[in-house]
Amino acid sequence: LSLQSRVVGVQLYRLRLQMRSVAALSDALMITFLVAIAFVLYQMYVICRVGLNQADDRFQLLAIPVLQTITALEDAEVRRREMKKEMEKDVVCLLYTSPSPRDS
């Protein structure tokens, strides 16, 4: 809408309010109600957004030790496998035979 038509609409609305038109008062109450609802919804959004940011920060703080633990467990498993391979190489088979009566 053009600026002139908006100005005329506002002037007509003011005139209706001055005449205490039921429709104009109803419109004013509805506009006030909608603005209040919009404000409340915005405040809820802000609170939720802050809550999500805080939750995300807490998750990051909690996730770091978990990730470090997982990494340490994976590293330990790799070291265990390497040590097992090394131990398999170092196994020496000792065959012990007791003296037989025939040997004497």
N, C-alpha and C. Protein backbone atom coordinates (compact mmCIF):
# COMPACT_ATOMS: atom_id res chain seq x y z
N LEU A 1 0.84 -1.19 0.00
CA LEU A 1 0.00 0.00 0.00
C LEU A 1 0.87 1.24 0.00
N SER A 2 0.31 2.27 -0.59
CA SER A 2 1.07 3.52 -0.64
C SER A 2 1.01 4.21 0.72
N LEU A 3 1.90 5.13 0.91
CA LEU A 3 1.98 5.87 2.17
C LEU A 3 0.71 6.67 2.40
N GLN A 4 0.17 7.25 1.34
CA GLN A 4 -1.04 8.07 1.48
C GLN A 4 -2.23 7.21 1.93
N SER A 5 -2.38 6.02 1.36
CA SER A 5 -3.49 5.16 1.76
C SER A 5 -3.32 4.68 3.20
N ARG A 6 -2.09 4.48 3.64
CA ARG A 6 -1.85 4.09 5.03
C ARG A 6 -2.22 5.23 5.97
N VAL A 7 -1.84 6.43 5.60
CA VAL A 7 -2.17 7.60 6.44
C VAL A 7 -3.68 7.74 6.56
N VAL A 8 -4.39 7.57 5.46
CA VAL A 8 -5.85 7.68 5.48
C VAL A 8 -6.44 6.56 6.36
N GLY A 9 -5.89 5.36 6.27
CA GLY A 9 -6.38 4.26 7.10
C GLY A 9 -6.19 4.53 8.57
N VAL A 10 -5.04 5.10 8.94
CA VAL A 10 -4.78 5.43 10.35
C VAL A 10 -5.73 6.53 10.80
N GLN A 11 -5.96 7.51 9.95
CA GLN A 11 -6.88 8.59 10.32
C GLN A 11 -8.30 8.05 10.53
N LEU A 12 -8.74 7.17 9.67
CA LEU A 12 -10.07 6.58 9.84
C LEU A 12 -10.13 5.75 11.13
N TYR A 13 -9.09 5.04 11.42
CA TYR A 13 -9.06 4.24 12.63
C TYR A 13 -9.14 5.14 13.87
N ARG A 14 -8.39 6.26 13.88
CA ARG A 14 -8.44 7.21 15.00
C ARG A 14 -9.85 7.79 15.15
N LEU A 15 -10.47 8.10 14.03
CA LEU A 15 -11.82 8.63 14.08
C LEU A 15 -12.79 7.62 14.67
N ARG A 16 -12.64 6.36 14.27
CA ARG A 16 -13.50 5.30 14.82
C ARG A 16 -13.26 5.14 16.32
N LEU A 17 -12.01 5.25 16.77
CA LEU A 17 -11.71 5.16 18.20
C LEU A 17 -12.32 6.33 18.96
N GLN A 18 -12.25 7.57 18.37
CA GLN A 18 -12.83 8.75 19.02
C GLN A 18 -14.34 8.61 19.14
N MET A 19 -14.94 7.97 18.19
CA MET A 19 -16.40 7.79 18.22
C MET A 19 -16.78 6.58 19.09
N ARG A 20 -15.75 5.94 19.66
CA ARG A 20 -15.93 4.78 20.52
C ARG A 20 -16.72 3.67 19.82
N SER A 21 -16.31 3.44 18.58
CA SER A 21 -16.91 2.36 17.81
C SER A 21 -16.53 1.03 18.43
N VAL A 22 -17.52 0.15 18.56
CA VAL A 22 -17.25 -1.17 19.14
C VAL A 22 -16.24 -1.93 18.29
N ALA A 23 -16.35 -1.83 16.99
CA ALA A 23 -15.42 -2.53 16.10
C ALA A 23 -14.00 -1.98 16.26
N ALA A 24 -13.89 -0.64 16.41
CA ALA A 24 -12.57 -0.03 16.56
C ALA A 24 -11.96 -0.45 17.90
N LEU A 25 -12.76 -0.45 18.96
CA LEU A 25 -12.25 -0.87 20.26
C LEU A 25 -11.86 -2.35 20.23
N SER A 26 -12.66 -3.14 19.57
CA SER A 26 -12.34 -4.56 19.41
C SER A 26 -11.04 -4.74 18.65
N ASP A 27 -10.87 -3.96 17.59
CA ASP A 27 -9.62 -4.02 16.81
C ASP A 27 -8.43 -3.61 17.68
N ALA A 28 -8.60 -2.57 18.49
CA ALA A 28 -7.51 -2.10 19.35
C ALA A 28 -7.13 -3.18 20.36
N LEU A 29 -8.14 -3.80 20.95
CA LEU A 29 -7.87 -4.87 21.90
C LEU A 29 -7.18 -6.05 21.22
N MET A 30 -7.62 -6.38 20.03
CA MET A 30 -7.02 -7.49 19.29
C MET A 30 -5.56 -7.18 18.94
N ILE A 31 -5.30 -5.96 18.50
CA ILE A 31 -3.93 -5.57 18.17
C ILE A 31 -3.05 -5.63 19.42
N THR A 32 -3.56 -5.12 20.54
CA THR A 32 -2.81 -5.16 21.79
C THR A 32 -2.53 -6.60 22.21
N PHE A 33 -3.54 -7.45 22.07
CA PHE A 33 -3.39 -8.86 22.41
C PHE A 33 -2.34 -9.52 21.53
N LEU A 34 -2.38 -9.25 20.24
CA LEU A 34 -1.42 -9.86 19.31
C LEU A 34 0.01 -9.37 19.58
N VAL A 35 0.14 -8.08 19.93
CA VAL A 35 1.46 -7.56 20.25
C VAL A 35 1.98 -8.22 21.52
N ALA A 36 1.10 -8.39 22.52
CA ALA A 36 1.51 -9.05 23.77
C ALA A 36 1.92 -10.50 23.50
N ILE A 37 1.16 -11.20 22.68
CA ILE A 37 1.51 -12.58 22.35
C ILE A 37 2.85 -12.64 21.61
N ALA A 38 3.05 -11.72 20.67
CA ALA A 38 4.31 -11.68 19.93
C ALA A 38 5.48 -11.43 20.89
N PHE A 39 5.27 -10.53 21.86
CA PHE A 39 6.33 -10.24 22.84
C PHE A 39 6.63 -11.47 23.68
N VAL A 40 5.60 -12.15 24.16
CA VAL A 40 5.79 -13.35 24.99
C VAL A 40 6.50 -14.44 24.18
N LEU A 41 6.08 -14.63 22.94
CA LEU A 41 6.72 -15.65 22.10
C LEU A 41 8.19 -15.31 21.86
N TYR A 42 8.48 -14.03 21.65
CA TYR A 42 9.87 -13.63 21.45
C TYR A 42 10.69 -13.89 22.71
N GLN A 43 10.12 -13.56 23.87
CA GLN A 43 10.84 -13.81 25.12
C GLN A 43 11.08 -15.30 25.33
N MET A 44 10.09 -16.12 24.99
CA MET A 44 10.26 -17.57 25.08
C MET A 44 11.37 -18.04 24.15
N TYR A 45 11.40 -17.47 22.95
CA TYR A 45 12.45 -17.83 21.99
C TYR A 45 13.82 -17.46 22.55
N VAL A 46 13.94 -16.26 23.12
CA VAL A 46 15.22 -15.82 23.66
C VAL A 46 15.66 -16.74 24.80
N ILE A 47 14.73 -17.08 25.69
CA ILE A 47 15.06 -17.96 26.81
C ILE A 47 15.49 -19.33 26.30
N CYS A 48 14.74 -19.86 25.35
CA CYS A 48 15.09 -21.18 24.80
C CYS A 48 16.43 -21.14 24.08
N ARG A 49 16.68 -20.07 23.34
CA ARG A 49 17.94 -19.96 22.61
C ARG A 49 19.11 -19.91 23.59
N VAL A 50 18.96 -19.15 24.67
CA VAL A 50 20.02 -19.08 25.67
C VAL A 50 20.19 -20.45 26.31
N GLY A 51 19.06 -21.10 26.61
CA GLY A 51 19.12 -22.44 27.19
C GLY A 51 19.82 -23.42 26.27
N LEU A 52 19.53 -23.33 24.97
CA LEU A 52 20.18 -24.23 24.01
C LEU A 52 21.67 -23.95 23.92
N ASN A 53 22.03 -22.67 23.94
CA ASN A 53 23.45 -22.33 23.90
C ASN A 53 24.17 -22.86 25.13
N GLN A 54 23.54 -22.70 26.30
CA GLN A 54 24.16 -23.21 27.52
C GLN A 54 24.25 -24.73 27.47
N ALA A 55 23.19 -25.37 26.99
CA ALA A 55 23.20 -26.84 26.90
C ALA A 55 24.28 -27.28 25.92
N ASP A 56 24.43 -26.56 24.82
CA ASP A 56 25.46 -26.90 23.84
C ASP A 56 26.85 -26.74 24.45
N ASP A 57 27.05 -25.66 25.22
CA ASP A 57 28.33 -25.46 25.89
C ASP A 57 28.61 -26.59 26.89
N ARG A 58 27.58 -26.96 27.66
CA ARG A 58 27.76 -28.05 28.62
C ARG A 58 28.05 -29.37 27.90
N PHE A 59 27.36 -29.59 26.79
CA PHE A 59 27.61 -30.82 26.02
C PHE A 59 29.05 -30.84 25.54
N GLN A 60 29.53 -29.71 25.05
CA GLN A 60 30.91 -29.66 24.57
C GLN A 60 31.88 -29.96 25.71
N LEU A 61 31.60 -29.40 26.90
CA LEU A 61 32.48 -29.66 28.04
C LEU A 61 32.44 -31.13 28.44
N LEU A 62 31.25 -31.74 28.37
CA LEU A 62 31.15 -33.15 28.73
C LEU A 62 31.70 -34.05 27.63
N ALA A 63 31.59 -33.60 26.39
CA ALA A 63 32.02 -34.43 25.26
C ALA A 63 33.54 -34.56 25.20
N ILE A 64 34.25 -33.54 25.66
CA ILE A 64 35.71 -33.57 25.57
C ILE A 64 36.29 -34.76 26.34
N PRO A 65 35.93 -34.96 27.63
CA PRO A 65 36.48 -36.13 28.33
C PRO A 65 36.05 -37.45 27.70
N VAL A 66 34.83 -37.51 27.21
CA VAL A 66 34.36 -38.74 26.58
C VAL A 66 35.19 -39.04 25.34
N LEU A 67 35.41 -38.04 24.52
CA LEU A 67 36.22 -38.23 23.31
C LEU A 67 37.66 -38.59 23.67
N GLN A 68 38.19 -37.96 24.71
CA GLN A 68 39.55 -38.29 25.14
C GLN A 68 39.62 -39.74 25.63
N THR A 69 38.59 -40.17 26.34
CA THR A 69 38.56 -41.55 26.84
C THR A 69 38.50 -42.54 25.68
N ILE A 70 37.64 -42.25 24.71
CA ILE A 70 37.53 -43.14 23.54
C ILE A 70 38.85 -43.21 22.80
N THR A 71 39.49 -42.06 22.62
CA THR A 71 40.78 -42.03 21.93
C THR A 71 41.83 -42.82 22.72
N ALA A 72 41.83 -42.66 24.04
CA ALA A 72 42.79 -43.40 24.87
C ALA A 72 42.54 -44.90 24.78
N LEU A 73 41.28 -45.31 24.78
CA LEU A 73 40.96 -46.74 24.66
C LEU A 73 41.41 -47.29 23.30
N GLU A 74 41.18 -46.52 22.25
CA GLU A 74 41.62 -46.96 20.92
C GLU A 74 43.13 -47.07 20.87
N ASP A 75 43.84 -46.10 21.45
CA ASP A 75 45.31 -46.14 21.47
C ASP A 75 45.80 -47.34 22.28
N ALA A 76 45.12 -47.60 23.40
CA ALA A 76 45.52 -48.75 24.23
C ALA A 76 45.32 -50.05 23.47
N GLU A 77 44.25 -50.15 22.70
CA GLU A 77 44.00 -51.36 21.91
C GLU A 77 45.09 -51.54 20.85
N VAL A 78 45.48 -50.44 20.21
CA VAL A 78 46.55 -50.52 19.21
C VAL A 78 47.85 -50.97 19.87
N ARG A 79 48.19 -50.39 21.04
CA ARG A 79 49.40 -50.79 21.75
C ARG A 79 49.34 -52.25 22.19
N ARG A 80 48.16 -52.71 22.62
CA ARG A 80 48.01 -54.11 23.04
C ARG A 80 48.28 -55.05 21.88
N ARG A 81 47.76 -54.70 20.71
CA ARG A 81 47.99 -55.55 19.53
C ARG A 81 49.47 -55.57 19.15
N GLU A 82 50.11 -54.41 19.21
CA GLU A 82 51.54 -54.34 18.89
C GLU A 82 52.37 -55.16 19.88
N MET A 83 52.02 -55.04 21.16
CA MET A 83 52.76 -55.81 22.18
C MET A 83 52.52 -57.30 22.00
N LYS A 84 51.33 -57.69 21.62
CA LYS A 84 51.04 -59.11 21.40
C LYS A 84 51.89 -59.65 20.26
N LYS A 85 52.01 -58.87 19.19
CA LYS A 85 52.84 -59.29 18.06
C LYS A 85 54.30 -59.43 18.50
N GLU A 86 54.79 -58.47 19.30
CA GLU A 86 56.16 -58.53 19.78
C GLU A 86 56.38 -59.73 20.68
N MET A 87 55.41 -60.02 21.53
CA MET A 87 55.53 -61.16 22.44
C MET A 87 55.52 -62.47 21.66
N GLU A 88 54.74 -62.54 20.60
CA GLU A 88 54.71 -63.76 19.79
C GLU A 88 56.05 -64.01 19.13
N LYS A 89 56.76 -62.94 18.79
CA LYS A 89 58.09 -63.10 18.19
C LYS A 89 59.10 -63.60 19.22
N ASP A 90 58.93 -63.17 20.47
CA ASP A 90 59.92 -63.49 21.51
C ASP A 90 59.66 -64.82 22.22
N VAL A 91 58.65 -65.53 21.85
CA VAL A 91 58.35 -66.78 22.53
C VAL A 91 59.41 -67.81 22.16
N VAL A 92 59.99 -68.37 23.17
CA VAL A 92 61.00 -69.41 22.96
C VAL A 92 60.42 -70.70 23.49
N CYS A 93 60.53 -71.70 22.71
CA CYS A 93 59.97 -72.98 23.11
C CYS A 93 61.07 -73.79 23.77
N LEU A 94 60.88 -74.09 25.05
CA LEU A 94 61.83 -74.93 25.76
C LEU A 94 61.20 -76.30 25.92
N LEU A 95 61.89 -77.27 25.40
CA LEU A 95 61.39 -78.63 25.52
C LEU A 95 62.19 -79.30 26.63
N TYR A 96 61.50 -79.66 27.65
CA TYR A 96 62.17 -80.30 28.79
C TYR A 96 61.87 -81.78 28.74
N THR A 97 62.93 -82.54 28.75
CA THR A 97 62.75 -83.99 28.79
C THR A 97 63.45 -84.51 30.02
N SER A 98 62.77 -85.28 30.72
CA SER A 98 63.42 -85.89 31.90
C SER A 98 64.29 -87.04 31.43
N PRO A 99 65.31 -87.34 32.17
CA PRO A 99 66.17 -88.46 31.75
C PRO A 99 65.38 -89.77 31.80
N SER A 100 65.51 -90.48 30.80
CA SER A 100 64.78 -91.77 30.75
C SER A 100 65.64 -92.84 31.43
N PRO A 101 65.02 -93.87 31.94
CA PRO A 101 65.81 -94.95 32.56
C PRO A 101 66.75 -95.62 31.56
N ARG A 102 66.42 -95.50 30.29
CA ARG A 102 67.31 -96.13 29.29
C ARG A 102 68.60 -95.36 29.12
N ASP A 103 68.57 -94.04 29.51
CA ASP A 103 69.77 -93.22 29.33
C ASP A 103 70.85 -93.58 30.37
N SER A 104 70.52 -94.20 31.41
CA SER A 104 71.54 -94.48 32.43
C SER A 104 72.28 -95.75 32.23
